[in-house]
Each structure stands twice: as C-alpha cells, then as structure tokens.
C-alpha cells in the first residue's frame, strides 16, 4: 500500500469522525455526565501519554533522564511556576542528567 493511499484513507476517516461528531444531538451533549467526561478525558489522556513517553521504551520500564525531567516538571507545576519555566526546568534537568 502506498503512502498516498494511507494518507487519503486517514483523511477520509478523520473527516467522517468529525462529521459523526456534528451529527450528535445537542440534548445528549448537554448532559452533566457528558460535560464532566469531556472536561476530564483530555487531561487523563495527556497524562497517560506523558507517562508512557517518559518512562517506557518499547515494552520495558526505563528510568533515565526523562524520568528526572518529568519529576522536575511535576515539582515546578506544584510550585505553580509558569509553563515556560516548567518546560525549561525539565529540559535543563534532563540535559544535566544526560551530561553526567
């Protein structure tokens, strides 16, 4: 299968998924449970993605410089640091551990 076929099929799938979202009745989206899920689901998915990317390599758990960077970022967030400070501190900590 060529790359263009994959791109076209993925594009059609994305379009159909968006079309399906527009066809959901408004009364369904206005329910309290749906609102709570819509607010919390992206946070949970992003958190899971961050943990998998920071602590896994293939199917193995790996504790390396990425884990240190994640820990530093978590501390910076708990201290209510601005987003840019969180990112720079995490990157600097990971780079320092890799350099050592």
PDB file of N, CA and C in Angstrom:
ATOM      1  N   UNK A   1       0.855  -1.175   0.000  1.00  0.00           N
ATOM      2  CA  UNK A   1       0.000   0.000   0.000  1.00  0.00           C
ATOM      3  C   UNK A   1       0.896   1.232   0.000  1.00  0.00           C
ATOM      4  N   UNK A   2       0.613   2.143  -0.877  1.00  0.00           N
ATOM      5  CA  UNK A   2       1.468   3.320  -0.986  1.00  0.00           C
ATOM      6  C   UNK A   2       1.149   4.320   0.115  1.00  0.00           C
ATOM      7  N   UNK A   3       2.053   5.241   0.310  1.00  0.00           N
ATOM      8  CA  UNK A   3       1.888   6.266   1.338  1.00  0.00           C
ATOM      9  C   UNK A   3       0.668   7.127   1.060  1.00  0.00           C
ATOM     10  N   UNK A   4       0.415   7.424  -0.208  1.00  0.00           N
ATOM     11  CA  UNK A   4      -0.715   8.283  -0.553  1.00  0.00           C
ATOM     12  C   UNK A   4      -2.043   7.622  -0.241  1.00  0.00           C
ATOM     13  N   UNK A   5      -2.117   6.329  -0.414  1.00  0.00           N
ATOM     14  CA  UNK A   5      -3.362   5.622  -0.087  1.00  0.00           C
ATOM     15  C   UNK A   5      -3.616   5.713   1.420  1.00  0.00           C
ATOM     16  N   UNK A   6      -2.574   5.529   2.204  1.00  0.00           N
ATOM     17  CA  UNK A   6      -2.704   5.619   3.655  1.00  0.00           C
ATOM     18  C   UNK A   6      -3.127   7.027   4.062  1.00  0.00           C
ATOM     19  N   UNK A   7      -2.530   8.042   3.462  1.00  0.00           N
ATOM     20  CA  UNK A   7      -2.875   9.433   3.778  1.00  0.00           C
ATOM     21  C   UNK A   7      -4.327   9.719   3.410  1.00  0.00           C
ATOM     22  N   UNK A   8      -4.761   9.277   2.257  1.00  0.00           N
ATOM     23  CA  UNK A   8      -6.144   9.516   1.822  1.00  0.00           C
ATOM     24  C   UNK A   8      -7.151   8.775   2.699  1.00  0.00           C
ATOM     25  N   UNK A   9      -6.856   7.545   3.061  1.00  0.00           N
ATOM     26  CA  UNK A   9      -7.761   6.789   3.933  1.00  0.00           C
ATOM     27  C   UNK A   9      -7.829   7.431   5.318  1.00  0.00           C
ATOM     28  N   UNK A  10      -6.686   7.851   5.847  1.00  0.00           N
ATOM     29  CA  UNK A  10      -6.678   8.513   7.160  1.00  0.00           C
ATOM     30  C   UNK A  10      -7.431   9.838   7.100  1.00  0.00           C
ATOM     31  N   UNK A  11      -7.276  10.580   6.021  1.00  0.00           N
ATOM     32  CA  UNK A  11      -8.002  11.846   5.865  1.00  0.00           C
ATOM     33  C   UNK A  11      -9.506  11.614   5.802  1.00  0.00           C
ATOM     34  N   UNK A  12      -9.925  10.611   5.059  1.00  0.00           N
ATOM     35  CA  UNK A  12     -11.356  10.293   4.976  1.00  0.00           C
ATOM     36  C   UNK A  12     -11.878   9.862   6.345  1.00  0.00           C
ATOM     37  N   UNK A  13     -11.094   9.088   7.069  1.00  0.00           N
ATOM     38  CA  UNK A  13     -11.506   8.666   8.407  1.00  0.00           C
ATOM     39  C   UNK A  13     -11.663   9.846   9.349  1.00  0.00           C
ATOM     40  N   UNK A  14     -10.732  10.781   9.300  1.00  0.00           N
ATOM     41  CA  UNK A  14     -10.823  11.982  10.141  1.00  0.00           C
ATOM     42  C   UNK A  14     -12.050  12.807   9.779  1.00  0.00           C
ATOM     43  N   UNK A  15     -12.310  12.955   8.496  1.00  0.00           N
ATOM     44  CA  UNK A  15     -13.484  13.707   8.057  1.00  0.00           C
ATOM     45  C   UNK A  15     -14.770  13.042   8.533  1.00  0.00           C
ATOM     46  N   UNK A  16     -14.854  11.725   8.403  1.00  0.00           N
ATOM     47  CA  UNK A  16     -16.056  11.013   8.833  1.00  0.00           C
ATOM     48  C   UNK A  16     -16.231  11.080  10.349  1.00  0.00           C
ATOM     49  N   UNK A  17     -15.142  11.039  11.094  1.00  0.00           N
ATOM     50  CA  UNK A  17     -15.229  11.158  12.547  1.00  0.00           C
ATOM     51  C   UNK A  17     -15.739  12.542  12.955  1.00  0.00           C
ATOM     52  N   UNK A  18     -15.246  13.568  12.271  1.00  0.00           N
ATOM     53  CA  UNK A  18     -15.716  14.925  12.553  1.00  0.00           C
ATOM     54  C   UNK A  18     -17.192  15.071  12.165  1.00  0.00           C
ATOM     55  N   UNK A  19     -17.577  14.500  11.058  1.00  0.00           N
ATOM     56  CA  UNK A  19     -18.974  14.532  10.625  1.00  0.00           C
ATOM     57  C   UNK A  19     -19.860  13.806  11.628  1.00  0.00           C
ATOM     58  N   UNK A  20     -19.394  12.707  12.160  1.00  0.00           N
ATOM     59  CA  UNK A  20     -20.144  11.975  13.178  1.00  0.00           C
ATOM     60  C   UNK A  20     -20.319  12.827  14.431  1.00  0.00           C
ATOM     61  N   UNK A  21     -19.292  13.574  14.804  1.00  0.00           N
ATOM     62  CA  UNK A  21     -19.388  14.457  15.963  1.00  0.00           C
ATOM     63  C   UNK A  21     -20.422  15.548  15.778  1.00  0.00           C
ATOM     64  N   UNK A  22     -20.533  16.076  14.584  1.00  0.00           N
ATOM     65  CA  UNK A  22     -21.525  17.131  14.316  1.00  0.00           C
ATOM     66  C   UNK A  22     -22.941  16.578  14.305  1.00  0.00           C
ATOM     67  N   UNK A  23     -23.087  15.288  14.078  1.00  0.00           N
ATOM     68  CA  UNK A  23     -24.427  14.710  13.990  1.00  0.00           C
ATOM     69  C   UNK A  23     -24.976  14.252  15.347  1.00  0.00           C
ATOM     70  N   UNK A  24     -24.208  14.383  16.422  1.00  0.00           N
ATOM     71  CA  UNK A  24     -24.689  14.012  17.753  1.00  0.00           C
ATOM     72  C   UNK A  24     -25.715  15.050  18.201  1.00  0.00           C
ATOM     73  N   UNK A  25     -26.874  14.616  18.703  1.00  0.00           N
ATOM     74  CA  UNK A  25     -27.900  15.579  19.137  1.00  0.00           C
ATOM     75  C   UNK A  25     -27.401  16.468  20.279  1.00  0.00           C
ATOM     76  N   UNK A  26     -27.811  17.726  20.257  1.00  0.00           N
ATOM     77  CA  UNK A  26     -27.366  18.684  21.272  1.00  0.00           C
ATOM     78  C   UNK A  26     -27.828  18.291  22.666  1.00  0.00           C
ATOM     79  N   UNK A  27     -28.998  17.690  22.786  1.00  0.00           N
ATOM     80  CA  UNK A  27     -29.502  17.317  24.115  1.00  0.00           C
ATOM     81  C   UNK A  27     -28.603  16.274  24.767  1.00  0.00           C
ATOM     82  N   UNK A  28     -27.965  15.439  23.965  1.00  0.00           N
ATOM     83  CA  UNK A  28     -27.035  14.447  24.508  1.00  0.00           C
ATOM     84  C   UNK A  28     -25.772  15.121  25.053  1.00  0.00           C
ATOM     85  N   UNK A  29     -25.294  16.131  24.353  1.00  0.00           N
ATOM     86  CA  UNK A  29     -24.066  16.819  24.758  1.00  0.00           C
ATOM     87  C   UNK A  29     -24.272  17.730  25.962  1.00  0.00           C
ATOM     88  N   UNK A  30     -25.510  18.083  26.261  1.00  0.00           N
ATOM     89  CA  UNK A  30     -25.783  18.986  27.371  1.00  0.00           C
ATOM     90  C   UNK A  30     -25.961  18.262  28.701  1.00  0.00           C
ATOM     91  N   UNK A  31     -25.867  16.948  28.718  1.00  0.00           N
ATOM     92  CA  UNK A  31     -25.986  16.198  29.968  1.00  0.00           C
ATOM     93  C   UNK A  31     -24.752  16.433  30.838  1.00  0.00           C
ATOM     94  N   UNK A  32     -24.973  16.455  32.148  1.00  0.00           N
ATOM     95  CA  UNK A  32     -23.888  16.757  33.090  1.00  0.00           C
ATOM     96  C   UNK A  32     -22.763  15.724  33.022  1.00  0.00           C
ATOM     97  N   UNK A  33     -23.091  14.462  32.901  1.00  0.00           N
ATOM     98  CA  UNK A  33     -22.066  13.417  32.846  1.00  0.00           C
ATOM     99  C   UNK A  33     -21.187  13.576  31.605  1.00  0.00           C
ATOM    100  N   UNK A  34     -21.798  13.882  30.486  1.00  0.00           N
ATOM    101  CA  UNK A  34     -21.034  14.065  29.248  1.00  0.00           C
ATOM    102  C   UNK A  34     -20.112  15.272  29.373  1.00  0.00           C
ATOM    103  N   UNK A  35     -20.589  16.338  29.994  1.00  0.00           N
ATOM    104  CA  UNK A  35     -19.748  17.530  30.193  1.00  0.00           C
ATOM    105  C   UNK A  35     -18.532  17.197  31.055  1.00  0.00           C
ATOM    106  N   UNK A  36     -18.750  16.457  32.159  1.00  0.00           N
ATOM    107  CA  UNK A  36     -17.633  16.111  33.039  1.00  0.00           C
ATOM    108  C   UNK A  36     -16.611  15.249  32.314  1.00  0.00           C
ATOM    109  N   UNK A  37     -17.093  14.289  31.546  1.00  0.00           N
ATOM    110  CA  UNK A  37     -16.178  13.425  30.788  1.00  0.00           C
ATOM    111  C   UNK A  37     -15.416  14.240  29.757  1.00  0.00           C
ATOM    112  N   UNK A  38     -16.096  15.151  29.084  1.00  0.00           N
ATOM    113  CA  UNK A  38     -15.447  15.974  28.056  1.00  0.00           C
ATOM    114  C   UNK A  38     -14.371  16.871  28.650  1.00  0.00           C
ATOM    115  N   UNK A  39     -14.546  17.281  29.908  1.00  0.00           N
ATOM    116  CA  UNK A  39     -13.553  18.132  30.558  1.00  0.00           C
ATOM    117  C   UNK A  39     -12.372  17.308  31.053  1.00  0.00           C
ATOM    118  N   UNK A  40     -12.632  16.130  31.620  1.00  0.00           N
ATOM    119  CA  UNK A  40     -11.575  15.351  32.269  1.00  0.00           C
ATOM    120  C   UNK A  40     -10.844  14.381  31.349  1.00  0.00           C
ATOM    121  N   UNK A  41     -11.479  13.935  30.293  1.00  0.00           N
ATOM    122  CA  UNK A  41     -10.856  12.949  29.417  1.00  0.00           C
ATOM    123  C   UNK A  41      -9.566  13.443  28.759  1.00  0.00           C
ATOM    124  N   UNK A  42      -9.504  14.657  28.212  1.00  0.00           N
ATOM    125  CA  UNK A  42      -8.234  15.108  27.621  1.00  0.00           C
ATOM    126  C   UNK A  42      -7.093  15.169  28.637  1.00  0.00           C
ATOM    127  N   UNK A  43      -7.402  15.548  29.876  1.00  0.00           N
ATOM    128  CA  UNK A  43      -6.360  15.609  30.907  1.00  0.00           C
ATOM    129  C   UNK A  43      -5.819  14.211  31.189  1.00  0.00           C
ATOM    130  N   UNK A  44      -6.713  13.238  31.311  1.00  0.00           N
ATOM    131  CA  UNK A  44      -6.290  11.865  31.583  1.00  0.00           C
ATOM    132  C   UNK A  44      -5.490  11.285  30.426  1.00  0.00           C
ATOM    133  N   UNK A  45      -5.936  11.536  29.202  1.00  0.00           N
ATOM    134  CA  UNK A  45      -5.211  11.028  28.038  1.00  0.00           C
ATOM    135  C   UNK A  45      -3.833  11.662  27.910  1.00  0.00           C
ATOM    136  N   UNK A  46      -3.749  12.962  28.131  1.00  0.00           N
ATOM    137  CA  UNK A  46      -2.458  13.636  28.053  1.00  0.00           C
ATOM    138  C   UNK A  46      -1.522  13.149  29.153  1.00  0.00           C
ATOM    139  N   UNK A  47      -2.055  12.968  30.357  1.00  0.00           N
ATOM    140  CA  UNK A  47      -1.242  12.449  31.454  1.00  0.00           C
ATOM    141  C   UNK A  47      -0.705  11.066  31.155  1.00  0.00           C
ATOM    142  N   UNK A  48      -1.554  10.198  30.625  1.00  0.00           N
ATOM    143  CA  UNK A  48      -1.110   8.854  30.251  1.00  0.00           C
ATOM    144  C   UNK A  48      -0.062   8.887  29.162  1.00  0.00           C
ATOM    145  N   UNK A  49      -0.238   9.746  28.181  1.00  0.00           N
ATOM    146  CA  UNK A  49       0.741   9.867  27.100  1.00  0.00           C
ATOM    147  C   UNK A  49       2.086  10.351  27.616  1.00  0.00           C
ATOM    148  N   UNK A  50       2.077  11.327  28.507  1.00  0.00           N
ATOM    149  CA  UNK A  50       3.322  11.849  29.075  1.00  0.00           C
ATOM    150  C   UNK A  50       4.054  10.759  29.841  1.00  0.00           C
ATOM    151  N   UNK A  51       3.322  10.006  30.659  1.00  0.00           N
ATOM    152  CA  UNK A  51       3.961   8.950  31.451  1.00  0.00           C
ATOM    153  C   UNK A  51       4.541   7.868  30.548  1.00  0.00           C
ATOM    154  N   UNK A  52       3.795   7.455  29.544  1.00  0.00           N
ATOM    155  CA  UNK A  52       4.295   6.414  28.638  1.00  0.00           C
ATOM    156  C   UNK A  52       5.523   6.901  27.887  1.00  0.00           C
ATOM    157  N   UNK A  53       5.507   8.130  27.407  1.00  0.00           N
ATOM    158  CA  UNK A  53       6.644   8.651  26.659  1.00  0.00           C
ATOM    159  C   UNK A  53       7.862   8.879  27.550  1.00  0.00           C
ATOM    160  N   UNK A  54       7.637   9.190  28.827  1.00  0.00           N
ATOM    161  CA  UNK A  54       8.753   9.498  29.717  1.00  0.00           C
ATOM    162  C   UNK A  54       9.332   8.264  30.395  1.00  0.00           C
ATOM    163  N   UNK A  55       8.531   7.242  30.588  1.00  0.00           N
ATOM    164  CA  UNK A  55       9.000   6.112  31.393  1.00  0.00           C
ATOM    165  C   UNK A  55       9.049   4.782  30.658  1.00  0.00           C
ATOM    166  N   UNK A  56       8.757   4.754  29.386  1.00  0.00           N
ATOM    167  CA  UNK A  56       8.743   3.486  28.662  1.00  0.00           C
ATOM    168  C   UNK A  56       9.627   3.553  27.430  1.00  0.00           C
ATOM    169  N   UNK A  57      10.200   2.388  27.143  1.00  0.00           N
ATOM    170  CA  UNK A  57      10.946   2.232  25.899  1.00  0.00           C
ATOM    171  C   UNK A  57      10.570   0.861  25.367  1.00  0.00           C
ATOM    172  N   UNK A  58       9.745   0.840  24.338  1.00  0.00           N
ATOM    173  CA  UNK A  58       9.199  -0.427  23.865  1.00  0.00           C
ATOM    174  C   UNK A  58       8.217  -0.944  24.898  1.00  0.00           C
ATOM    175  N   UNK A  59       8.474  -2.145  25.395  1.00  0.00           N
ATOM    176  CA  UNK A  59       7.602  -2.741  26.411  1.00  0.00           C
ATOM    177  C   UNK A  59       8.253  -2.745  27.785  1.00  0.00           C
ATOM    178  N   UNK A  60       9.347  -2.018  27.946  1.00  0.00           N
ATOM    179  CA  UNK A  60      10.082  -2.023  29.216  1.00  0.00           C
ATOM    180  C   UNK A  60       9.968  -0.674  29.919  1.00  0.00           C
ATOM    181  N   UNK A  61       9.989  -0.733  31.236  1.00  0.00           N
ATOM    182  CA  UNK A  61      10.009   0.474  32.056  1.00  0.00           C
ATOM    183  C   UNK A  61      11.454   0.945  32.151  1.00  0.00           C
ATOM    184  N   UNK A  62      11.685   2.221  31.845  1.00  0.00           N
ATOM    185  CA  UNK A  62      13.035   2.765  31.839  1.00  0.00           C
ATOM    186  C   UNK A  62      13.068   4.029  32.690  1.00  0.00           C
ATOM    187  N   UNK A  63      13.954   4.042  33.662  1.00  0.00           N
ATOM    188  CA  UNK A  63      14.143   5.238  34.483  1.00  0.00           C
ATOM    189  C   UNK A  63      15.461   5.875  34.071  1.00  0.00           C
ATOM    190  N   UNK A  64      15.375   6.945  33.314  1.00  0.00           N
ATOM    191  CA  UNK A  64      16.570   7.630  32.836  1.00  0.00           C
ATOM    192  C   UNK A  64      16.367   9.138  32.987  1.00  0.00           C
ATOM    193  N   UNK A  65      17.018   9.907  32.165  1.00  0.00           N
ATOM    194  CA  UNK A  65      16.958  11.365  32.266  1.00  0.00           C
ATOM    195  C   UNK A  65      15.543  11.894  32.032  1.00  0.00           C
ATOM    196  N   UNK A  66      14.760  11.187  31.240  1.00  0.00           N
ATOM    197  CA  UNK A  66      13.375  11.630  31.004  1.00  0.00           C
ATOM    198  C   UNK A  66      12.562  11.602  32.291  1.00  0.00           C
ATOM    199  N   UNK A  67      12.797  10.585  33.129  1.00  0.00           N
ATOM    200  CA  UNK A  67      12.074  10.490  34.401  1.00  0.00           C
ATOM    201  C   UNK A  67      12.463  11.644  35.321  1.00  0.00           C
ATOM    202  N   UNK A  68      13.731  12.016  35.316  1.00  0.00           N
ATOM    203  CA  UNK A  68      14.184  13.149  36.128  1.00  0.00           C
ATOM    204  C   UNK A  68      13.525  14.435  35.624  1.00  0.00           C
ATOM    205  N   UNK A  69      13.488  14.616  34.324  1.00  0.00           N
ATOM    206  CA  UNK A  69      12.837  15.794  33.750  1.00  0.00           C
ATOM    207  C   UNK A  69      11.357  15.846  34.102  1.00  0.00           C
ATOM    208  N   UNK A  70      10.694  14.696  34.078  1.00  0.00           N
ATOM    209  CA  UNK A  70       9.273  14.647  34.440  1.00  0.00           C
ATOM    210  C   UNK A  70       9.079  14.995  35.912  1.00  0.00           C
ATOM    211  N   UNK A  71       9.959  14.495  36.764  1.00  0.00           N
ATOM    212  CA  UNK A  71       9.856  14.806  38.196  1.00  0.00           C
ATOM    213  C   UNK A  71      10.081  16.294  38.457  1.00  0.00           C
ATOM    214  N   UNK A  72      11.056  16.876  37.795  1.00  0.00           N
ATOM    215  CA  UNK A  72      11.317  18.312  37.953  1.00  0.00           C
ATOM    216  C   UNK A  72      10.122  19.118  37.446  1.00  0.00           C
ATOM    217  N   UNK A  73       9.538  18.705  36.341  1.00  0.00           N
ATOM    218  CA  UNK A  73       8.354  19.399  35.814  1.00  0.00           C
ATOM    219  C   UNK A  73       7.192  19.294  36.794  1.00  0.00           C
ATOM    220  N   UNK A  74       7.017  18.129  37.400  1.00  0.00           N
ATOM    221  CA  UNK A  74       5.926  17.961  38.368  1.00  0.00           C
ATOM    222  C   UNK A  74       6.118  18.884  39.573  1.00  0.00           C
ATOM    223  N   UNK A  75       7.349  18.982  40.061  1.00  0.00           N
ATOM    224  CA  UNK A  75       7.625  19.875  41.191  1.00  0.00           C
ATOM    225  C   UNK A  75       7.371  21.332  40.796  1.00  0.00           C
ATOM    226  N   UNK A  76       7.799  21.704  39.602  1.00  0.00           N
ATOM    227  CA  UNK A  76       7.589  23.078  39.144  1.00  0.00           C
ATOM    228  C   UNK A  76       6.102  23.393  39.007  1.00  0.00           C
ATOM    229  N   UNK A  77       5.318  22.425  38.547  1.00  0.00           N
ATOM    230  CA  UNK A  77       3.873  22.637  38.435  1.00  0.00           C
ATOM    231  C   UNK A  77       3.255  22.770  39.820  1.00  0.00           C
ATOM    232  N   UNK A  78       3.696  21.935  40.765  1.00  0.00           N
ATOM    233  CA  UNK A  78       3.181  22.043  42.134  1.00  0.00           C
ATOM    234  C   UNK A  78       3.524  23.383  42.772  1.00  0.00           C
ATOM    235  N   UNK A  79       4.657  23.958  42.370  1.00  0.00           N
ATOM    236  CA  UNK A  79       5.046  25.273  42.878  1.00  0.00           C
ATOM    237  C   UNK A  79       4.404  26.401  42.079  1.00  0.00           C
ATOM    238  N   UNK A  80       3.531  26.036  41.144  1.00  0.00           N
ATOM    239  CA  UNK A  80       2.793  26.989  40.312  1.00  0.00           C
ATOM    240  C   UNK A  80       3.701  27.879  39.457  1.00  0.00           C
ATOM    241  N   UNK A  81       4.740  27.281  38.917  1.00  0.00           N
ATOM    242  CA  UNK A  81       5.633  28.012  38.016  1.00  0.00           C
ATOM    243  C   UNK A  81       4.938  28.214  36.672  1.00  0.00           C
ATOM    244  N   UNK A  82       5.292  29.268  35.958  1.00  0.00           N
ATOM    245  CA  UNK A  82       4.735  29.464  34.613  1.00  0.00           C
ATOM    246  C   UNK A  82       5.132  28.311  33.680  1.00  0.00           C
ATOM    247  N   UNK A  83       4.328  28.090  32.662  1.00  0.00           N
ATOM    248  CA  UNK A  83       4.543  26.955  31.759  1.00  0.00           C
ATOM    249  C   UNK A  83       5.941  26.949  31.155  1.00  0.00           C
ATOM    250  N   UNK A  84       6.406  28.084  30.705  1.00  0.00           N
ATOM    251  CA  UNK A  84       7.733  28.154  30.090  1.00  0.00           C
ATOM    252  C   UNK A  84       8.823  27.761  31.088  1.00  0.00           C
ATOM    253  N   UNK A  85       8.677  28.172  32.341  1.00  0.00           N
ATOM    254  CA  UNK A  85       9.645  27.804  33.376  1.00  0.00           C
ATOM    255  C   UNK A  85       9.610  26.296  33.604  1.00  0.00           C
ATOM    256  N   UNK A  86       8.429  25.702  33.598  1.00  0.00           N
ATOM    257  CA  UNK A  86       8.299  24.250  33.767  1.00  0.00           C
ATOM    258  C   UNK A  86       9.045  23.519  32.661  1.00  0.00           C
ATOM    259  N   UNK A  87       8.834  23.936  31.434  1.00  0.00           N
ATOM    260  CA  UNK A  87       9.464  23.275  30.293  1.00  0.00           C
ATOM    261  C   UNK A  87      10.979  23.439  30.330  1.00  0.00           C
ATOM    262  N   UNK A  88      11.450  24.642  30.589  1.00  0.00           N
ATOM    263  CA  UNK A  88      12.896  24.890  30.616  1.00  0.00           C
ATOM    264  C   UNK A  88      13.552  24.144  31.765  1.00  0.00           C
ATOM    265  N   UNK A  89      12.922  24.126  32.934  1.00  0.00           N
ATOM    266  CA  UNK A  89      13.496  23.418  34.080  1.00  0.00           C
ATOM    267  C   UNK A  89      13.561  21.920  33.816  1.00  0.00           C
ATOM    268  N   UNK A  90      12.531  21.359  33.243  1.00  0.00           N
ATOM    269  CA  UNK A  90      12.530  19.932  32.935  1.00  0.00           C
ATOM    270  C   UNK A  90      13.593  19.592  31.894  1.00  0.00           C
ATOM    271  N   UNK A  91      13.700  20.413  30.866  1.00  0.00           N
ATOM    272  CA  UNK A  91      14.709  20.170  29.831  1.00  0.00           C
ATOM    273  C   UNK A  91      16.117  20.312  30.386  1.00  0.00           C
ATOM    274  N   UNK A  92      16.315  21.306  31.222  1.00  0.00           N
ATOM    275  CA  UNK A  92      17.648  21.502  31.818  1.00  0.00           C
ATOM    276  C   UNK A  92      18.012  20.348  32.734  1.00  0.00           C
ATOM    277  N   UNK A  93      17.064  19.873  33.525  1.00  0.00           N
ATOM    278  CA  UNK A  93      17.348  18.747  34.423  1.00  0.00           C
ATOM    279  C   UNK A  93      17.669  17.481  33.633  1.00  0.00           C
ATOM    280  N   UNK A  94      16.899  17.224  32.590  1.00  0.00           N
ATOM    281  CA  UNK A  94      17.163  16.031  31.772  1.00  0.00           C
ATOM    282  C   UNK A  94      18.516  16.151  31.063  1.00  0.00           C
ATOM    283  N   UNK A  95      18.832  17.342  30.576  1.00  0.00           N
ATOM    284  CA  UNK A  95      20.123  17.528  29.904  1.00  0.00           C
ATOM    285  C   UNK A  95      21.285  17.372  30.893  1.00  0.00           C
ATOM    286  N   UNK A  96      21.122  17.859  32.100  1.00  0.00           N
ATOM    287  CA  UNK A  96      22.170  17.730  33.116  1.00  0.00           C
ATOM    288  C   UNK A  96      22.403  16.258  33.473  1.00  0.00           C
ATOM    289  N   UNK A  97      21.323  15.503  33.629  1.00  0.00           N
ATOM    290  CA  UNK A  97      21.470  14.074  33.945  1.00  0.00           C
ATOM    291  C   UNK A  97      22.116  13.342  32.783  1.00  0.00           C
ATOM    292  N   UNK A  98      21.740  13.663  31.566  1.00  0.00           N
ATOM    293  CA  UNK A  98      22.353  13.008  30.400  1.00  0.00           C
ATOM    294  C   UNK A  98      23.839  13.354  30.285  1.00  0.00           C
ATOM    295  N   UNK A  99      24.185  14.598  30.655  1.00  0.00           N
ATOM    296  CA  UNK A  99      25.588  15.012  30.582  1.00  0.00           C
ATOM    297  C   UNK A  99      26.442  14.278  31.623  1.00  0.00           C
ATOM    298  N   UNK A 100      25.835  13.984  32.756  1.00  0.00           N
ATOM    299  CA  UNK A 100      26.572  13.277  33.811  1.00  0.00           C
ATOM    300  C   UNK A 100      26.677  11.818  33.478  1.00  0.00           C
TER     301      UNK A 100
END
